[in-house]
């Protein structure tokens, strides 16, 4: 996997988009996800967090038959749940970035993200945090022997 791009999030949807990419990349080639990304962005309506959080059973069923997305129902359900939880944490902490920075260190942040969100393992969390501009340890410290 090449070094991911970094963004400066300006809205909750920016965090949701990067987290969604991490969810889809779990167990799937990043190339597959990248090739489908523009269709995924359309299907998730530009990743407006409130809109995605409001998706119900009908929208979920539509997504599972939408060829623009990776039609893995459990991942799709996780993304909708992650959007809802992200909104809650954003409100609880007065901003999602404040939530991310509420933990004392990287390991604590990883542990809390695993607890709060679905389909987020160490690799996905590292990708997510790095991509949204949060401080992460050097890659080789976390993933020795992986390039």
Protein backbone atom coordinates (compact mmCIF):
# COMPACT_ATOMS: atom_id res chain seq x y z
CA UNK A 1 0.00 0.00 0.00
CA UNK A 2 1.43 3.39 -0.91
CA UNK A 3 1.67 6.14 1.69
CA UNK A 4 -1.87 7.54 2.00
CA UNK A 5 -2.67 11.16 1.33
CA UNK A 6 -3.20 13.38 4.33
CA UNK A 7 -6.09 15.81 4.61
CA UNK A 8 -6.97 18.61 6.94
CA UNK A 9 -10.51 17.74 8.01
CA UNK A 10 -12.92 20.67 7.95
CA UNK A 11 -16.14 18.80 8.69
CA UNK A 12 -17.27 15.57 10.32
CA UNK A 13 -17.86 14.02 6.91
CA UNK A 14 -14.12 14.26 6.17
CA UNK A 15 -13.43 11.97 9.13
CA UNK A 16 -16.27 9.66 8.09
CA UNK A 17 -14.93 9.36 4.55
CA UNK A 18 -11.43 8.36 5.70
CA UNK A 19 -12.83 5.95 8.29
CA UNK A 20 -15.08 4.41 5.64
CA UNK A 21 -12.08 3.87 3.38
CA UNK A 22 -10.33 2.11 6.29
CA UNK A 23 -13.40 -0.08 6.87
CA UNK A 24 -13.60 -1.08 3.21
CA UNK A 25 -9.85 -1.74 3.02
CA UNK A 26 -10.07 -4.26 5.87
CA UNK A 27 -9.29 -7.57 4.17
CA UNK A 28 -9.61 -6.13 0.66
CA UNK A 29 -6.95 -4.82 -1.69
CA UNK A 30 -6.58 -1.05 -1.45
CA UNK A 31 -6.57 -1.00 -5.28
CA UNK A 32 -10.09 -2.44 -5.35
CA UNK A 33 -11.26 0.21 -2.89
CA UNK A 34 -9.51 3.02 -4.79
CA UNK A 35 -11.00 1.87 -8.10
CA UNK A 36 -14.52 2.00 -6.65
CA UNK A 37 -14.00 5.14 -4.57
CA UNK A 38 -15.82 7.67 -6.76
CA UNK A 39 -18.89 5.40 -6.86
CA UNK A 40 -18.67 4.86 -3.10
CA UNK A 41 -18.57 8.64 -2.59
CA UNK A 42 -21.72 9.00 -4.69
CA UNK A 43 -23.54 6.14 -2.95
CA UNK A 44 -22.74 7.64 0.46
CA UNK A 45 -23.88 11.08 -0.74
CA UNK A 46 -20.53 12.76 -0.33
CA UNK A 47 -20.16 11.40 3.22
CA UNK A 48 -22.33 13.98 4.89
CA UNK A 49 -22.24 12.46 8.37
CA UNK A 50 -25.84 13.35 9.31
CA UNK A 51 -27.18 11.98 6.02
CA UNK A 52 -25.29 8.69 6.37
CA UNK A 53 -26.30 8.39 10.03
CA UNK A 54 -29.94 8.73 8.96
CA UNK A 55 -29.73 5.85 6.46
CA UNK A 56 -32.25 3.21 7.40
CA UNK A 57 -33.01 -0.33 6.32
CA UNK A 58 -34.14 0.73 2.84
CA UNK A 59 -30.91 2.64 2.15
CA UNK A 60 -28.89 -0.26 3.55
CA UNK A 61 -30.73 -2.69 1.25
CA UNK A 62 -30.10 -0.32 -1.67
CA UNK A 63 -26.37 -0.21 -0.85
CA UNK A 64 -26.13 -4.01 -0.72
CA UNK A 65 -27.31 -4.16 -4.34
CA UNK A 66 -25.41 -1.08 -5.57
CA UNK A 67 -22.55 -2.15 -7.86
CA UNK A 68 -20.72 1.14 -7.18
CA UNK A 69 -19.87 -0.01 -3.65
CA UNK A 70 -18.29 -3.03 -2.02
CA UNK A 71 -21.48 -4.91 -1.15
CA UNK A 72 -20.41 -6.40 2.15
CA UNK A 73 -23.51 -5.99 4.31
CA UNK A 74 -21.71 -6.15 7.68
CA UNK A 75 -19.24 -3.47 6.58
CA UNK A 76 -22.08 -1.33 5.25
CA UNK A 77 -23.91 -1.69 8.57
CA UNK A 78 -20.69 -0.81 10.38
CA UNK A 79 -20.26 2.37 8.34
CA UNK A 80 -23.78 3.54 9.19
CA UNK A 81 -23.21 2.76 12.87
CA UNK A 82 -19.81 4.44 12.77
CA UNK A 83 -21.42 7.60 11.38
CA UNK A 84 -23.91 7.63 14.26
CA UNK A 85 -21.20 7.07 16.86
CA UNK A 86 -18.99 9.72 15.28
CA UNK A 87 -21.78 12.28 15.61
CA UNK A 88 -22.29 11.33 19.26
CA UNK A 89 -18.58 11.64 20.06
CA UNK A 90 -18.39 14.92 18.16
CA UNK A 91 -21.18 16.33 20.35
CA UNK A 92 -19.80 14.83 23.59
CA UNK A 93 -16.33 16.27 23.06
CA UNK A 94 -17.19 19.54 21.30
CA UNK A 95 -15.53 18.32 18.10
CA UNK A 96 -14.33 15.04 16.67
CA UNK A 97 -10.70 16.16 16.66
CA UNK A 98 -11.04 16.86 20.39
CA UNK A 99 -12.32 13.31 20.84
CA UNK A 100 -9.30 11.92 18.97
CA UNK A 101 -6.96 13.99 21.11
CA UNK A 102 -8.69 13.11 24.40
CA UNK A 103 -6.56 9.99 24.84
CA UNK A 104 -3.11 10.29 26.43
CA UNK A 105 -1.19 8.36 23.76
CA UNK A 106 -1.39 6.39 20.51
CA UNK A 107 -2.05 3.02 22.17
CA UNK A 108 -4.93 4.45 24.21
CA UNK A 109 -6.37 6.09 21.11
CA UNK A 110 -6.20 2.79 19.20
CA UNK A 111 -7.88 0.93 22.05
CA UNK A 112 -10.68 3.49 22.29
CA UNK A 113 -11.31 3.64 18.53
CA UNK A 114 -11.54 -0.18 18.47
CA UNK A 115 -14.13 0.06 21.26
CA UNK A 116 -16.14 2.90 19.71
CA UNK A 117 -16.18 1.88 16.03
CA UNK A 118 -16.73 -1.30 14.04
CA UNK A 119 -14.33 -2.83 11.51
CA UNK A 120 -11.46 -0.71 12.76
CA UNK A 121 -8.34 -2.74 13.49
CA UNK A 122 -4.80 -1.52 14.09
CA UNK A 123 -3.92 -1.08 10.40
CA UNK A 124 -7.16 0.77 9.64
CA UNK A 125 -6.80 2.98 12.71
CA UNK A 126 -3.21 3.83 11.82
CA UNK A 127 -4.30 4.67 8.25
CA UNK A 128 -7.22 6.73 9.57
CA UNK A 129 -5.22 8.71 12.13
CA UNK A 130 -2.36 9.35 9.71
CA UNK A 131 -4.73 10.41 6.92
CA UNK A 132 -6.60 12.93 9.09
CA UNK A 133 -3.31 14.48 10.25
CA UNK A 134 -3.13 13.08 13.78
CA UNK A 135 0.23 12.16 15.26
CA UNK A 136 1.18 8.52 14.83
CA UNK A 137 4.39 6.67 15.65
CA UNK A 138 6.67 5.79 12.73
CA UNK A 139 5.16 3.00 10.61
CA UNK A 140 8.08 0.66 11.24
CA UNK A 141 7.56 0.92 15.01
CA UNK A 142 3.97 -0.25 14.77
CA UNK A 143 4.43 -2.70 11.88
CA UNK A 144 8.00 -4.02 12.07
CA UNK A 145 9.07 -5.81 8.91
CA UNK A 146 6.25 -4.33 6.80
CA UNK A 147 7.02 -1.75 4.15
